[in-house]
Amino acid sequence: MILLALLVFVPLYITFINGLKTYNEVATSTLALPHVFQFENFAVVWKQINFLGVFMNSLIITVIAVSGILLVSSAAAFQLVRRPGLASQIIFLAILSSLVIPFQTMMIPLVKVAQELKLINTLYGIIIMYWGFGVPFALFLFHGFIKSIPRELEEAAMIDGSGTVGVYFRILLPLLKPITTTVAILNSLWIWNDFLLPLITLSSKKNQTIPLASSVYFGQYTNEWHLAMAALTMAVIPIIIFFLCMQRYIIQGITAGAVKG
């Protein structure tokens, strides 16, 4: 456990510590503590990349994209599990088949189709793309989890007069809390830190995300490591806070499901 913890915390330590140094200190003593804490690095980054603007872009994209992935994949999994048959199996396998296609092979067709649909260089466009890329794996996770939920709970609700939509929102969603939290965390980490998709779809500076805006500190002839580390520190803090806040719901869901009565 100590070794695993070090694998996680050492990179975070290097990132945070070097964000408080000058460039020369980063180049000469990467692991050492700074002689003088350079907090002005964060102020420089805040102004240079318009951190508040790119932060809001990343936040809007992540929240809406993850919400859509959760809603679509859970609802689709509910119908595919509760309506077994050849059609459901074909649809399920067709959606899952997209997981084996490398993203690099889809980049050029994706950009061409997105240009035709006016989705390039727009926040709503990249959100729709994240829905498409995120739903298959989320559907796979929800599909397996829903199969473990007794169907009698839903039948009892229907006997009491609840329809399919009511069963989904009132009965199923509360039971899906553990897997919903897991899918939300996985997709939030992916979308918040993603660089490649924003790189090929967001050309305007006003629509840049944090990873895309931070790339300005890495160039062919110059690498401003101290500012890059400061930018990465500012970028990673929100997602770490989100993970720490959400992990307790996973633990609660596991302990709640461990007792049957």
C-alpha atoms as a PDB file:
ATOM      1  CA  MET A   1       0.000   0.000   0.000  1.00  0.00           C
ATOM      2  CA  ILE A   2       2.882   2.353   0.757  1.00  0.00           C
ATOM      3  CA  LEU A   3       4.404   1.670  -2.671  1.00  0.00           C
ATOM      4  CA  LEU A   4       1.072   2.286  -4.385  1.00  0.00           C
ATOM      5  CA  ALA A   5       0.621   5.515  -2.427  1.00  0.00           C
ATOM      6  CA  LEU A   6       4.087   6.670  -3.492  1.00  0.00           C
ATOM      7  CA  LEU A   7       3.236   6.020  -7.147  1.00  0.00           C
ATOM      8  CA  VAL A   8       0.367   8.475  -6.755  1.00  0.00           C
ATOM      9  CA  PHE A   9       1.808  11.097  -4.431  1.00  0.00           C
ATOM     10  CA  VAL A  10       5.347  11.453  -5.834  1.00  0.00           C
ATOM     11  CA  PRO A  11       4.156  12.873  -9.203  1.00  0.00           C
ATOM     12  CA  LEU A  12       1.776  15.205  -7.347  1.00  0.00           C
ATOM     13  CA  TYR A  13       4.625  16.316  -5.088  1.00  0.00           C
ATOM     14  CA  ILE A  14       6.909  16.979  -8.069  1.00  0.00           C
ATOM     15  CA  THR A  15       4.200  18.957  -9.845  1.00  0.00           C
ATOM     16  CA  PHE A  16       3.270  21.109  -6.858  1.00  0.00           C
ATOM     17  CA  ILE A  17       6.834  21.746  -5.633  1.00  0.00           C
ATOM     18  CA  ASN A  18       8.151  22.701  -9.064  1.00  0.00           C
ATOM     19  CA  GLY A  19       5.238  25.060  -9.545  1.00  0.00           C
ATOM     20  CA  LEU A  20       6.702  27.076  -6.655  1.00  0.00           C
ATOM     21  CA  LYS A  21      10.223  27.361  -8.096  1.00  0.00           C
ATOM     22  CA  THR A  22      12.055  29.434 -10.660  1.00  0.00           C
ATOM     23  CA  TYR A  23      12.953  27.878 -13.999  1.00  0.00           C
ATOM     24  CA  ASN A  24      16.597  27.423 -13.007  1.00  0.00           C
ATOM     25  CA  GLU A  25      15.636  25.600  -9.803  1.00  0.00           C
ATOM     26  CA  VAL A  26      13.360  23.246 -11.729  1.00  0.00           C
ATOM     27  CA  ALA A  27      16.155  22.455 -14.165  1.00  0.00           C
ATOM     28  CA  THR A  28      18.839  21.871 -11.513  1.00  0.00           C
ATOM     29  CA  SER A  29      16.981  20.341  -8.540  1.00  0.00           C
ATOM     30  CA  THR A  30      13.655  18.816  -9.472  1.00  0.00           C
ATOM     31  CA  LEU A  31      12.983  16.964  -6.208  1.00  0.00           C
ATOM     32  CA  ALA A  32      14.335  19.552  -3.773  1.00  0.00           C
ATOM     33  CA  LEU A  33      12.193  22.084  -1.955  1.00  0.00           C
ATOM     34  CA  PRO A  34      12.332  25.632  -3.380  1.00  0.00           C
ATOM     35  CA  HIS A  35      14.699  28.094  -1.744  1.00  0.00           C
ATOM     36  CA  VAL A  36      12.034  30.801  -2.010  1.00  0.00           C
ATOM     37  CA  PHE A  37       8.397  29.926  -2.699  1.00  0.00           C
ATOM     38  CA  GLN A  38       7.445  31.566  -5.999  1.00  0.00           C
ATOM     39  CA  PHE A  39       3.700  32.005  -5.512  1.00  0.00           C
ATOM     40  CA  GLU A  40       3.711  34.613  -8.269  1.00  0.00           C
ATOM     41  CA  ASN A  41       3.957  31.721 -10.759  1.00  0.00           C
ATOM     42  CA  PHE A  42       0.270  31.046 -10.156  1.00  0.00           C
ATOM     43  CA  ALA A  43      -0.601  34.710 -10.690  1.00  0.00           C
ATOM     44  CA  VAL A  44       1.325  34.726 -13.969  1.00  0.00           C
ATOM     45  CA  VAL A  45      -0.457  31.591 -15.167  1.00  0.00           C
ATOM     46  CA  TRP A  46      -3.846  32.990 -14.123  1.00  0.00           C
ATOM     47  CA  LYS A  47      -3.325  36.023 -16.382  1.00  0.00           C
ATOM     48  CA  GLN A  48      -1.452  34.455 -19.289  1.00  0.00           C
ATOM     49  CA  ILE A  49      -3.878  31.666 -20.105  1.00  0.00           C
ATOM     50  CA  ASN A  50      -7.020  33.379 -18.743  1.00  0.00           C
ATOM     51  CA  PHE A  51      -7.375  30.582 -16.224  1.00  0.00           C
ATOM     52  CA  LEU A  52     -10.870  31.556 -15.072  1.00  0.00           C
ATOM     53  CA  GLY A  53     -12.177  31.412 -18.645  1.00  0.00           C
ATOM     54  CA  VAL A  54     -10.600  28.061 -19.527  1.00  0.00           C
ATOM     55  CA  PHE A  55     -11.643  26.705 -16.121  1.00  0.00           C
ATOM     56  CA  MET A  56     -15.288  27.553 -16.852  1.00  0.00           C
ATOM     57  CA  ASN A  57     -14.986  25.932 -20.295  1.00  0.00           C
ATOM     58  CA  SER A  58     -13.626  22.736 -18.745  1.00  0.00           C
ATOM     59  CA  LEU A  59     -16.277  22.803 -16.038  1.00  0.00           C
ATOM     60  CA  ILE A  60     -19.177  23.299 -18.453  1.00  0.00           C
ATOM     61  CA  ILE A  61     -17.922  20.577 -20.805  1.00  0.00           C
ATOM     62  CA  THR A  62     -17.266  18.091 -18.001  1.00  0.00           C
ATOM     63  CA  VAL A  63     -20.531  18.608 -16.107  1.00  0.00           C
ATOM     64  CA  ILE A  64     -22.832  18.484 -19.146  1.00  0.00           C
ATOM     65  CA  ALA A  65     -20.926  15.662 -20.858  1.00  0.00           C
ATOM     66  CA  VAL A  66     -20.836  13.460 -17.740  1.00  0.00           C
ATOM     67  CA  SER A  67     -24.509  14.163 -16.958  1.00  0.00           C
ATOM     68  CA  GLY A  68     -25.509  13.160 -20.474  1.00  0.00           C
ATOM     69  CA  ILE A  69     -23.390  10.000 -20.382  1.00  0.00           C
ATOM     70  CA  LEU A  70     -24.947   8.945 -17.062  1.00  0.00           C
ATOM     71  CA  LEU A  71     -28.530   9.588 -18.176  1.00  0.00           C
ATOM     72  CA  VAL A  72     -28.291   8.018 -21.629  1.00  0.00           C
ATOM     73  CA  SER A  73     -26.241   4.969 -20.643  1.00  0.00           C
ATOM     74  CA  SER A  74     -28.263   4.116 -17.522  1.00  0.00           C
ATOM     75  CA  ALA A  75     -31.603   4.499 -19.313  1.00  0.00           C
ATOM     76  CA  ALA A  76     -30.388   2.470 -22.298  1.00  0.00           C
ATOM     77  CA  ALA A  77     -28.985  -0.256 -20.057  1.00  0.00           C
ATOM     78  CA  PHE A  78     -32.300  -0.405 -18.154  1.00  0.00           C
ATOM     79  CA  GLN A  79     -34.245  -1.062 -21.345  1.00  0.00           C
ATOM     80  CA  LEU A  80     -31.714  -3.499 -22.818  1.00  0.00           C
ATOM     81  CA  VAL A  81     -31.630  -5.592 -19.624  1.00  0.00           C
ATOM     82  CA  ARG A  82     -35.370  -5.563 -18.927  1.00  0.00           C
ATOM     83  CA  ARG A  83     -36.315  -6.288 -22.548  1.00  0.00           C
ATOM     84  CA  PRO A  84     -34.160  -9.318 -23.402  1.00  0.00           C
ATOM     85  CA  GLY A  85     -34.177 -10.602 -26.931  1.00  0.00           C
ATOM     86  CA  LEU A  86     -32.226 -10.738 -30.162  1.00  0.00           C
ATOM     87  CA  ALA A  87     -32.743  -7.037 -30.922  1.00  0.00           C
ATOM     88  CA  SER A  88     -31.433  -5.995 -27.501  1.00  0.00           C
ATOM     89  CA  GLN A  89     -28.374  -8.226 -27.875  1.00  0.00           C
ATOM     90  CA  ILE A  90     -27.589  -6.815 -31.329  1.00  0.00           C
ATOM     91  CA  ILE A  91     -27.931  -3.222 -30.131  1.00  0.00           C
ATOM     92  CA  PHE A  92     -25.799  -3.910 -27.051  1.00  0.00           C
ATOM     93  CA  LEU A  93     -23.027  -5.617 -29.032  1.00  0.00           C
ATOM     94  CA  ALA A  94     -23.131  -2.941 -31.742  1.00  0.00           C
ATOM     95  CA  ILE A  95     -22.589  -0.185 -29.167  1.00  0.00           C
ATOM     96  CA  LEU A  96     -19.835  -2.116 -27.373  1.00  0.00           C
ATOM     97  CA  SER A  97     -18.034  -2.813 -30.658  1.00  0.00           C
ATOM     98  CA  SER A  98     -17.015   0.850 -30.787  1.00  0.00           C
ATOM     99  CA  LEU A  99     -14.747   0.249 -27.778  1.00  0.00           C
ATOM    100  CA  VAL A 100     -12.301  -1.782 -29.886  1.00  0.00           C
ATOM    101  CA  ILE A 101     -11.801   0.999 -32.470  1.00  0.00           C
ATOM    102  CA  PRO A 102      -8.716   3.158 -31.695  1.00  0.00           C
ATOM    103  CA  PHE A 103      -9.483   6.857 -31.434  1.00  0.00           C
ATOM    104  CA  GLN A 104      -6.584   7.706 -33.757  1.00  0.00           C
ATOM    105  CA  THR A 105      -8.288   5.903 -36.645  1.00  0.00           C
ATOM    106  CA  MET A 106     -11.415   8.018 -36.181  1.00  0.00           C
ATOM    107  CA  MET A 107      -9.820  11.456 -35.891  1.00  0.00           C
ATOM    108  CA  ILE A 108      -9.934  12.474 -39.566  1.00  0.00           C
ATOM    109  CA  PRO A 109     -13.492  11.156 -40.233  1.00  0.00           C
ATOM    110  CA  LEU A 110     -14.603  12.696 -36.930  1.00  0.00           C
ATOM    111  CA  VAL A 111     -13.311  16.146 -37.883  1.00  0.00           C
ATOM    112  CA  LYS A 112     -14.862  15.967 -41.359  1.00  0.00           C
ATOM    113  CA  VAL A 113     -18.266  14.905 -40.022  1.00  0.00           C
ATOM    114  CA  ALA A 114     -18.094  17.505 -37.250  1.00  0.00           C
ATOM    115  CA  GLN A 115     -17.331  20.219 -39.805  1.00  0.00           C
ATOM    116  CA  GLU A 116     -20.360  19.224 -41.872  1.00  0.00           C
ATOM    117  CA  LEU A 117     -22.591  19.326 -38.769  1.00  0.00           C
ATOM    118  CA  LYS A 118     -21.137  22.665 -37.561  1.00  0.00           C
ATOM    119  CA  LEU A 119     -19.777  21.063 -34.376  1.00  0.00           C
ATOM    120  CA  ILE A 120     -16.172  22.225 -34.750  1.00  0.00           C
ATOM    121  CA  ASN A 121     -14.934  24.921 -32.359  1.00  0.00           C
ATOM    122  CA  THR A 122     -18.082  24.897 -30.206  1.00  0.00           C
ATOM    123  CA  LEU A 123     -18.598  23.742 -26.646  1.00  0.00           C
ATOM    124  CA  TYR A 124     -21.846  21.949 -27.478  1.00  0.00           C
ATOM    125  CA  GLY A 125     -20.098  20.173 -30.336  1.00  0.00           C
ATOM    126  CA  ILE A 126     -17.353  18.663 -28.190  1.00  0.00           C
ATOM    127  CA  ILE A 127     -19.938  17.757 -25.530  1.00  0.00           C
ATOM    128  CA  ILE A 128     -21.888  15.742 -28.120  1.00  0.00           C
ATOM    129  CA  MET A 129     -18.660  13.995 -29.128  1.00  0.00           C
ATOM    130  CA  TYR A 130     -17.918  13.100 -25.518  1.00  0.00           C
ATOM    131  CA  TRP A 131     -21.423  11.622 -25.261  1.00  0.00           C
ATOM    132  CA  GLY A 132     -20.656   9.416 -28.235  1.00  0.00           C
ATOM    133  CA  PHE A 133     -17.285   8.265 -26.924  1.00  0.00           C
ATOM    134  CA  GLY A 134     -18.350   7.901 -23.286  1.00  0.00           C
ATOM    135  CA  VAL A 135     -21.667   6.061 -23.559  1.00  0.00           C
ATOM    136  CA  PRO A 136     -20.382   2.616 -24.718  1.00  0.00           C
ATOM    137  CA  PHE A 137     -18.178   1.894 -21.696  1.00  0.00           C
ATOM    138  CA  ALA A 138     -20.697   3.433 -19.280  1.00  0.00           C
ATOM    139  CA  LEU A 139     -23.450   1.313 -20.848  1.00  0.00           C
ATOM    140  CA  PHE A 140     -21.327  -1.789 -20.316  1.00  0.00           C
ATOM    141  CA  LEU A 141     -20.907  -0.992 -16.600  1.00  0.00           C
ATOM    142  CA  PHE A 142     -24.579  -0.121 -16.049  1.00  0.00           C
ATOM    143  CA  HIS A 143     -25.719  -3.190 -17.995  1.00  0.00           C
ATOM    144  CA  GLY A 144     -23.825  -5.545 -15.707  1.00  0.00           C
ATOM    145  CA  PHE A 145     -24.945  -3.770 -12.542  1.00  0.00           C
ATOM    146  CA  ILE A 146     -28.645  -3.662 -13.467  1.00  0.00           C
ATOM    147  CA  LYS A 147     -28.672  -7.420 -14.115  1.00  0.00           C
ATOM    148  CA  SER A 148     -27.870  -7.929 -10.420  1.00  0.00           C
ATOM    149  CA  ILE A 149     -30.907  -5.892  -9.272  1.00  0.00           C
ATOM    150  CA  PRO A 150     -34.012  -8.044  -8.549  1.00  0.00           C
ATOM    151  CA  ARG A 151     -36.753  -7.420 -11.061  1.00  0.00           C
ATOM    152  CA  GLU A 152     -39.367  -7.940  -8.325  1.00  0.00           C
ATOM    153  CA  LEU A 153     -38.684  -4.425  -7.018  1.00  0.00           C
ATOM    154  CA  GLU A 154     -39.744  -2.910 -10.316  1.00  0.00           C
ATOM    155  CA  GLU A 155     -42.758  -5.218 -10.634  1.00  0.00           C
ATOM    156  CA  ALA A 156     -43.933  -4.198  -7.172  1.00  0.00           C
ATOM    157  CA  ALA A 157     -43.716  -0.527  -8.175  1.00  0.00           C
ATOM    158  CA  MET A 158     -45.681  -1.200 -11.367  1.00  0.00           C
ATOM    159  CA  ILE A 159     -48.389  -2.989  -9.362  1.00  0.00           C
ATOM    160  CA  ASP A 160     -48.647   0.173  -7.251  1.00  0.00           C
ATOM    161  CA  GLY A 161     -49.310   2.159 -10.417  1.00  0.00           C
ATOM    162  CA  SER A 162     -45.865   3.413 -11.397  1.00  0.00           C
ATOM    163  CA  GLY A 163     -44.957   3.500 -15.083  1.00  0.00           C
ATOM    164  CA  THR A 164     -41.647   2.748 -16.757  1.00  0.00           C
ATOM    165  CA  VAL A 165     -40.355   6.302 -16.310  1.00  0.00           C
ATOM    166  CA  GLY A 166     -41.405   6.314 -12.655  1.00  0.00           C
ATOM    167  CA  VAL A 167     -39.701   2.971 -12.031  1.00  0.00           C
ATOM    168  CA  TYR A 168     -36.530   4.277 -13.631  1.00  0.00           C
ATOM    169  CA  PHE A 169     -36.323   7.508 -11.615  1.00  0.00           C
ATOM    170  CA  ARG A 170     -37.860   6.362  -8.304  1.00  0.00           C
ATOM    171  CA  ILE A 171     -36.688   2.760  -8.011  1.00  0.00           C
ATOM    172  CA  LEU A 172     -33.718   2.119 -10.282  1.00  0.00           C
ATOM    173  CA  LEU A 173     -31.652   5.318 -10.029  1.00  0.00           C
ATOM    174  CA  PRO A 174     -31.331   5.206  -6.201  1.00  0.00           C
ATOM    175  CA  LEU A 175     -30.145   1.591  -6.470  1.00  0.00           C
ATOM    176  CA  LEU A 176     -27.600   2.593  -9.125  1.00  0.00           C
ATOM    177  CA  LYS A 177     -25.862   5.076  -6.838  1.00  0.00           C
ATOM    178  CA  PRO A 178     -22.583   3.105  -6.435  1.00  0.00           C
ATOM    179  CA  ILE A 179     -22.080   2.433 -10.138  1.00  0.00           C
ATOM    180  CA  THR A 180     -23.317   5.925 -11.067  1.00  0.00           C
ATOM    181  CA  THR A 181     -20.688   7.461  -8.809  1.00  0.00           C
ATOM    182  CA  THR A 182     -17.988   5.224 -10.266  1.00  0.00           C
ATOM    183  CA  VAL A 183     -18.932   6.083 -13.856  1.00  0.00           C
ATOM    184  CA  ALA A 184     -19.121   9.790 -12.971  1.00  0.00           C
ATOM    185  CA  ILE A 185     -15.621   9.766 -11.458  1.00  0.00           C
ATOM    186  CA  LEU A 186     -14.055   7.820 -14.338  1.00  0.00           C
ATOM    187  CA  ASN A 187     -15.589  10.049 -17.002  1.00  0.00           C
ATOM    188  CA  SER A 188     -14.887  13.262 -15.101  1.00  0.00           C
ATOM    189  CA  LEU A 189     -11.209  12.355 -14.804  1.00  0.00           C
ATOM    190  CA  TRP A 190     -11.080  11.492 -18.503  1.00  0.00           C
ATOM    191  CA  ILE A 191     -12.906  14.561 -19.827  1.00  0.00           C
ATOM    192  CA  TRP A 192     -11.302  17.073 -17.449  1.00  0.00           C
ATOM    193  CA  ASN A 193      -7.782  15.916 -18.353  1.00  0.00           C
ATOM    194  CA  ASP A 194      -8.372  15.148 -22.038  1.00  0.00           C
ATOM    195  CA  PHE A 195      -6.080  16.950 -24.451  1.00  0.00           C
ATOM    196  CA  LEU A 196      -6.378  15.256 -27.846  1.00  0.00           C
ATOM    197  CA  LEU A 197     -10.081  15.767 -28.621  1.00  0.00           C
ATOM    198  CA  PRO A 198     -10.070  19.483 -27.653  1.00  0.00           C
ATOM    199  CA  LEU A 199      -6.857  19.888 -29.689  1.00  0.00           C
ATOM    200  CA  ILE A 200      -8.495  18.742 -32.939  1.00  0.00           C
ATOM    201  CA  THR A 201     -11.930  20.308 -32.377  1.00  0.00           C
ATOM    202  CA  LEU A 202     -11.398  23.579 -30.455  1.00  0.00           C
ATOM    203  CA  SER A 203      -9.294  26.055 -32.433  1.00  0.00           C
ATOM    204  CA  SER A 204     -10.610  29.256 -30.881  1.00  0.00           C
ATOM    205  CA  LYS A 205      -8.778  30.584 -27.844  1.00  0.00           C
ATOM    206  CA  LYS A 206     -12.015  31.471 -26.049  1.00  0.00           C
ATOM    207  CA  ASN A 207     -13.183  27.830 -26.141  1.00  0.00           C
ATOM    208  CA  GLN A 208      -9.964  26.235 -24.894  1.00  0.00           C
ATOM    209  CA  THR A 209      -9.938  23.826 -21.959  1.00  0.00           C
ATOM    210  CA  ILE A 210      -7.319  23.821 -19.184  1.00  0.00           C
ATOM    211  CA  PRO A 211      -5.066  21.097 -20.689  1.00  0.00           C
ATOM    212  CA  LEU A 212      -5.182  22.788 -24.097  1.00  0.00           C
ATOM    213  CA  ALA A 213      -4.421  26.239 -22.702  1.00  0.00           C
ATOM    214  CA  SER A 214      -1.588  24.861 -20.540  1.00  0.00           C
ATOM    215  CA  SER A 215       0.184  23.481 -23.619  1.00  0.00           C
ATOM    216  CA  VAL A 216       1.367  27.026 -24.392  1.00  0.00           C
ATOM    217  CA  TYR A 217       4.215  26.444 -21.928  1.00  0.00           C
ATOM    218  CA  PHE A 218       5.601  23.540 -23.989  1.00  0.00           C
ATOM    219  CA  GLY A 219       7.170  24.502 -27.302  1.00  0.00           C
ATOM    220  CA  GLN A 220       9.854  23.490 -29.765  1.00  0.00           C
ATOM    221  CA  TYR A 221      12.338  26.080 -28.551  1.00  0.00           C
ATOM    222  CA  THR A 222      11.219  26.843 -25.003  1.00  0.00           C
ATOM    223  CA  ASN A 223       9.764  24.960 -22.061  1.00  0.00           C
ATOM    224  CA  GLU A 224       8.647  27.081 -19.144  1.00  0.00           C
ATOM    225  CA  TRP A 225       8.566  24.208 -16.687  1.00  0.00           C
ATOM    226  CA  HIS A 226       7.887  26.325 -13.602  1.00  0.00           C
ATOM    227  CA  LEU A 227       4.807  27.926 -15.160  1.00  0.00           C
ATOM    228  CA  ALA A 228       3.696  24.621 -16.678  1.00  0.00           C
ATOM    229  CA  MET A 229       3.828  22.950 -13.269  1.00  0.00           C
ATOM    230  CA  ALA A 230       1.905  25.827 -11.722  1.00  0.00           C
ATOM    231  CA  ALA A 231      -0.764  25.488 -14.423  1.00  0.00           C
ATOM    232  CA  LEU A 232      -0.979  21.722 -13.902  1.00  0.00           C
ATOM    233  CA  THR A 233      -1.309  22.215 -10.141  1.00  0.00           C
ATOM    234  CA  MET A 234      -4.187  24.644 -10.629  1.00  0.00           C
ATOM    235  CA  ALA A 235      -5.798  22.221 -13.066  1.00  0.00           C
ATOM    236  CA  VAL A 236      -5.552  19.125 -10.879  1.00  0.00           C
ATOM    237  CA  ILE A 237      -6.789  20.639  -7.598  1.00  0.00           C
ATOM    238  CA  PRO A 238     -10.509  20.818  -8.620  1.00  0.00           C
ATOM    239  CA  ILE A 239     -10.615  17.214  -9.841  1.00  0.00           C
ATOM    240  CA  ILE A 240      -8.856  15.967  -6.695  1.00  0.00           C
ATOM    241  CA  ILE A 241     -11.414  17.778  -4.535  1.00  0.00           C
ATOM    242  CA  PHE A 242     -14.209  16.247  -6.633  1.00  0.00           C
ATOM    243  CA  PHE A 243     -12.748  12.750  -6.216  1.00  0.00           C
ATOM    244  CA  LEU A 244     -12.334  13.148  -2.449  1.00  0.00           C
ATOM    245  CA  CYS A 245     -15.931  14.339  -2.123  1.00  0.00           C
ATOM    246  CA  MET A 246     -17.342  11.522  -4.259  1.00  0.00           C
ATOM    247  CA  GLN A 247     -15.381   8.551  -2.931  1.00  0.00           C
ATOM    248  CA  ARG A 248     -17.436   8.404   0.267  1.00  0.00           C
ATOM    249  CA  TYR A 249     -20.554   7.722  -1.800  1.00  0.00           C
ATOM    250  CA  ILE A 250     -18.852   4.686  -3.317  1.00  0.00           C
ATOM    251  CA  ILE A 251     -18.028   3.388   0.174  1.00  0.00           C
ATOM    252  CA  GLN A 252     -21.588   4.063   1.373  1.00  0.00           C
ATOM    253  CA  GLY A 253     -23.018   2.239  -1.631  1.00  0.00           C
ATOM    254  CA  ILE A 254     -20.796  -0.792  -1.065  1.00  0.00           C
ATOM    255  CA  THR A 255     -21.618  -1.031   2.639  1.00  0.00           C
ATOM    256  CA  ALA A 256     -25.327  -0.503   2.012  1.00  0.00           C
ATOM    257  CA  GLY A 257     -25.380  -3.268  -0.570  1.00  0.00           C
ATOM    258  CA  ALA A 258     -23.436  -5.657   1.640  1.00  0.00           C
ATOM    259  CA  VAL A 259     -26.402  -6.194   3.966  1.00  0.00           C
ATOM    260  CA  LYS A 260     -29.485  -7.913   2.655  1.00  0.00           C
ATOM    261  CA  GLY A 261     -32.724  -8.003   4.555  1.00  0.00           C
END
